[in-house]
């Protein structure tokens, strides 16, 4: 979003970008190409929709989840904030996101995905 000069906090713009990315991903899956969804799929309902849609197209679906403590995430965000041109995220926003918006995948949910393909 930064490369497009879109404000990180502009939710309607973010939704339009993700809608376009999702449409393109589905087109690519339709012709047998692998895709990576790398926007924040913070809640299970979002991950379920992506998994079910991709499976309906016949594609295997992997979920790569790195369970990192909040203090480690904050150090990574803080380092990125220091880079020229990056949109900054403050610690309060990160903590609010973690507490109010993020649903970590459970073992039950992870079992719904295909194992990672290392080819």
C-alpha atoms as a PDB file:
ATOM      1  CA  UNK A   1       0.000   0.000   0.000  1.00  0.00           C
ATOM      2  CA  UNK A   2       2.918   2.300   0.681  1.00  0.00           C
ATOM      3  CA  UNK A   3       4.175   1.821  -2.890  1.00  0.00           C
ATOM      4  CA  UNK A   4       0.770   3.018  -4.108  1.00  0.00           C
ATOM      5  CA  UNK A   5       0.782   5.998  -1.704  1.00  0.00           C
ATOM      6  CA  UNK A   6      -2.229   4.547   0.104  1.00  0.00           C
ATOM      7  CA  UNK A   7      -2.550   5.311   3.791  1.00  0.00           C
ATOM      8  CA  UNK A   8      -2.121   2.131   5.825  1.00  0.00           C
ATOM      9  CA  UNK A   9      -5.086   3.128   7.984  1.00  0.00           C
ATOM     10  CA  UNK A  10      -7.452   3.754   5.032  1.00  0.00           C
ATOM     11  CA  UNK A  11      -9.739   0.728   5.492  1.00  0.00           C
ATOM     12  CA  UNK A  12     -11.870   1.277   2.344  1.00  0.00           C
ATOM     13  CA  UNK A  13      -8.715   1.522   0.209  1.00  0.00           C
ATOM     14  CA  UNK A  14      -7.250  -1.564   1.873  1.00  0.00           C
ATOM     15  CA  UNK A  15     -10.471  -3.466   1.137  1.00  0.00           C
ATOM     16  CA  UNK A  16     -10.319  -2.457  -2.544  1.00  0.00           C
ATOM     17  CA  UNK A  17      -6.672  -3.571  -2.820  1.00  0.00           C
ATOM     18  CA  UNK A  18      -7.400  -6.906  -1.137  1.00  0.00           C
ATOM     19  CA  UNK A  19     -10.487  -7.456  -3.320  1.00  0.00           C
ATOM     20  CA  UNK A  20      -8.376  -6.928  -6.433  1.00  0.00           C
ATOM     21  CA  UNK A  21      -5.619  -9.204  -5.119  1.00  0.00           C
ATOM     22  CA  UNK A  22      -8.146 -11.900  -4.246  1.00  0.00           C
ATOM     23  CA  UNK A  23      -9.751 -11.740  -7.710  1.00  0.00           C
ATOM     24  CA  UNK A  24      -6.325 -12.055  -9.326  1.00  0.00           C
ATOM     25  CA  UNK A  25      -5.385 -14.935  -7.020  1.00  0.00           C
ATOM     26  CA  UNK A  26      -8.546 -16.821  -7.990  1.00  0.00           C
ATOM     27  CA  UNK A  27      -7.828 -16.255 -11.691  1.00  0.00           C
ATOM     28  CA  UNK A  28      -4.307 -17.597 -11.254  1.00  0.00           C
ATOM     29  CA  UNK A  29      -5.554 -20.620  -9.315  1.00  0.00           C
ATOM     30  CA  UNK A  30      -7.993 -21.283 -12.149  1.00  0.00           C
ATOM     31  CA  UNK A  31      -5.104 -21.773 -14.557  1.00  0.00           C
ATOM     32  CA  UNK A  32      -3.105 -23.927 -12.149  1.00  0.00           C
ATOM     33  CA  UNK A  33      -0.673 -21.339 -10.793  1.00  0.00           C
ATOM     34  CA  UNK A  34       0.279 -21.282  -7.113  1.00  0.00           C
ATOM     35  CA  UNK A  35      -0.475 -18.092  -5.217  1.00  0.00           C
ATOM     36  CA  UNK A  36       0.468 -16.688  -1.827  1.00  0.00           C
ATOM     37  CA  UNK A  37      -2.034 -14.666   0.188  1.00  0.00           C
ATOM     38  CA  UNK A  38       0.025 -12.438   2.415  1.00  0.00           C
ATOM     39  CA  UNK A  39      -2.372  -9.845   3.697  1.00  0.00           C
ATOM     40  CA  UNK A  40      -3.575 -10.113   7.270  1.00  0.00           C
ATOM     41  CA  UNK A  41      -5.944 -13.047   7.504  1.00  0.00           C
ATOM     42  CA  UNK A  42      -6.405 -12.274  11.154  1.00  0.00           C
ATOM     43  CA  UNK A  43      -9.621 -14.128  11.838  1.00  0.00           C
ATOM     44  CA  UNK A  44     -10.658 -17.690  11.259  1.00  0.00           C
ATOM     45  CA  UNK A  45     -13.642 -16.696   9.132  1.00  0.00           C
ATOM     46  CA  UNK A  46     -11.276 -15.032   6.631  1.00  0.00           C
ATOM     47  CA  UNK A  47      -9.011 -18.074   6.539  1.00  0.00           C
ATOM     48  CA  UNK A  48     -12.007 -20.423   6.157  1.00  0.00           C
ATOM     49  CA  UNK A  49     -13.297 -18.455   3.164  1.00  0.00           C
ATOM     50  CA  UNK A  50      -9.911 -18.493   1.455  1.00  0.00           C
ATOM     51  CA  UNK A  51      -9.361 -22.201   2.175  1.00  0.00           C
ATOM     52  CA  UNK A  52     -12.828 -23.233   0.987  1.00  0.00           C
ATOM     53  CA  UNK A  53     -12.662 -21.099  -2.170  1.00  0.00           C
ATOM     54  CA  UNK A  54      -9.228 -22.417  -3.100  1.00  0.00           C
ATOM     55  CA  UNK A  55     -10.227 -26.006  -2.409  1.00  0.00           C
ATOM     56  CA  UNK A  56     -13.301 -25.558  -4.628  1.00  0.00           C
ATOM     57  CA  UNK A  57     -10.912 -24.724  -7.468  1.00  0.00           C
ATOM     58  CA  UNK A  58      -8.986 -27.927  -6.765  1.00  0.00           C
ATOM     59  CA  UNK A  59      -5.944 -26.229  -5.262  1.00  0.00           C
ATOM     60  CA  UNK A  60      -4.164 -27.533  -2.196  1.00  0.00           C
ATOM     61  CA  UNK A  61      -4.100 -24.958   0.599  1.00  0.00           C
ATOM     62  CA  UNK A  62      -1.326 -24.463   3.119  1.00  0.00           C
ATOM     63  CA  UNK A  63      -1.345 -22.171   6.133  1.00  0.00           C
ATOM     64  CA  UNK A  64       1.992 -20.914   7.353  1.00  0.00           C
ATOM     65  CA  UNK A  65       1.559 -19.532  10.849  1.00  0.00           C
ATOM     66  CA  UNK A  66       4.492 -18.325  12.909  1.00  0.00           C
ATOM     67  CA  UNK A  67       3.511 -18.027  16.555  1.00  0.00           C
ATOM     68  CA  UNK A  68       5.689 -15.153  17.722  1.00  0.00           C
ATOM     69  CA  UNK A  69       5.390 -13.440  21.114  1.00  0.00           C
ATOM     70  CA  UNK A  70       4.066  -9.878  21.050  1.00  0.00           C
ATOM     71  CA  UNK A  71       7.354  -8.437  22.323  1.00  0.00           C
ATOM     72  CA  UNK A  72       9.189  -9.997  19.361  1.00  0.00           C
ATOM     73  CA  UNK A  73       6.557  -8.633  16.962  1.00  0.00           C
ATOM     74  CA  UNK A  74       6.967  -5.201  18.506  1.00  0.00           C
ATOM     75  CA  UNK A  75      10.753  -5.292  18.006  1.00  0.00           C
ATOM     76  CA  UNK A  76      10.233  -6.205  14.336  1.00  0.00           C
ATOM     77  CA  UNK A  77       7.658  -3.433  13.851  1.00  0.00           C
ATOM     78  CA  UNK A  78       9.889  -0.939  15.662  1.00  0.00           C
ATOM     79  CA  UNK A  79      12.796  -1.797  13.346  1.00  0.00           C
ATOM     80  CA  UNK A  80      10.550  -1.450  10.282  1.00  0.00           C
ATOM     81  CA  UNK A  81       9.198   1.867  11.589  1.00  0.00           C
ATOM     82  CA  UNK A  82      12.781   3.188  11.544  1.00  0.00           C
ATOM     83  CA  UNK A  83      13.190   2.490   7.825  1.00  0.00           C
ATOM     84  CA  UNK A  84      12.813   5.519   5.539  1.00  0.00           C
ATOM     85  CA  UNK A  85       9.432   5.771   3.852  1.00  0.00           C
ATOM     86  CA  UNK A  86       7.737   3.121   5.974  1.00  0.00           C
ATOM     87  CA  UNK A  87       4.312   3.775   7.466  1.00  0.00           C
ATOM     88  CA  UNK A  88       4.703   3.594  11.216  1.00  0.00           C
ATOM     89  CA  UNK A  89       2.661   1.478  13.585  1.00  0.00           C
ATOM     90  CA  UNK A  90       2.767   2.369  17.254  1.00  0.00           C
ATOM     91  CA  UNK A  91       2.872  -0.138  20.082  1.00  0.00           C
ATOM     92  CA  UNK A  92      -0.677   0.680  21.200  1.00  0.00           C
ATOM     93  CA  UNK A  93      -2.068  -0.212  17.756  1.00  0.00           C
ATOM     94  CA  UNK A  94      -0.119  -3.471  17.724  1.00  0.00           C
ATOM     95  CA  UNK A  95      -1.378  -4.402  21.190  1.00  0.00           C
ATOM     96  CA  UNK A  96      -4.980  -3.492  20.289  1.00  0.00           C
ATOM     97  CA  UNK A  97      -4.749  -5.568  17.102  1.00  0.00           C
ATOM     98  CA  UNK A  98      -3.410  -8.556  19.031  1.00  0.00           C
ATOM     99  CA  UNK A  99      -6.073  -8.301  21.706  1.00  0.00           C
ATOM    100  CA  UNK A 100      -9.154  -7.304  19.700  1.00  0.00           C
ATOM    101  CA  UNK A 101      -8.721  -8.519  16.129  1.00  0.00           C
ATOM    102  CA  UNK A 102      -6.379 -11.488  15.855  1.00  0.00           C
ATOM    103  CA  UNK A 103      -7.564 -15.085  16.228  1.00  0.00           C
ATOM    104  CA  UNK A 104      -4.608 -17.465  16.262  1.00  0.00           C
ATOM    105  CA  UNK A 105      -5.330 -20.705  14.435  1.00  0.00           C
ATOM    106  CA  UNK A 106      -6.073 -23.628  16.721  1.00  0.00           C
ATOM    107  CA  UNK A 107      -4.711 -27.127  16.206  1.00  0.00           C
ATOM    108  CA  UNK A 108      -8.173 -28.071  14.914  1.00  0.00           C
ATOM    109  CA  UNK A 109      -8.067 -25.314  12.300  1.00  0.00           C
ATOM    110  CA  UNK A 110      -4.481 -26.080  11.262  1.00  0.00           C
ATOM    111  CA  UNK A 111      -5.523 -29.687  10.618  1.00  0.00           C
ATOM    112  CA  UNK A 112      -7.930 -28.430   7.910  1.00  0.00           C
ATOM    113  CA  UNK A 113      -5.002 -27.289   5.751  1.00  0.00           C
ATOM    114  CA  UNK A 114      -2.633 -29.331   3.624  1.00  0.00           C
ATOM    115  CA  UNK A 115       0.851 -29.981   4.982  1.00  0.00           C
ATOM    116  CA  UNK A 116       3.545 -27.655   3.590  1.00  0.00           C
ATOM    117  CA  UNK A 117       4.887 -28.698   0.206  1.00  0.00           C
ATOM    118  CA  UNK A 118       8.658 -28.357   0.224  1.00  0.00           C
ATOM    119  CA  UNK A 119       9.197 -29.016  -3.517  1.00  0.00           C
END
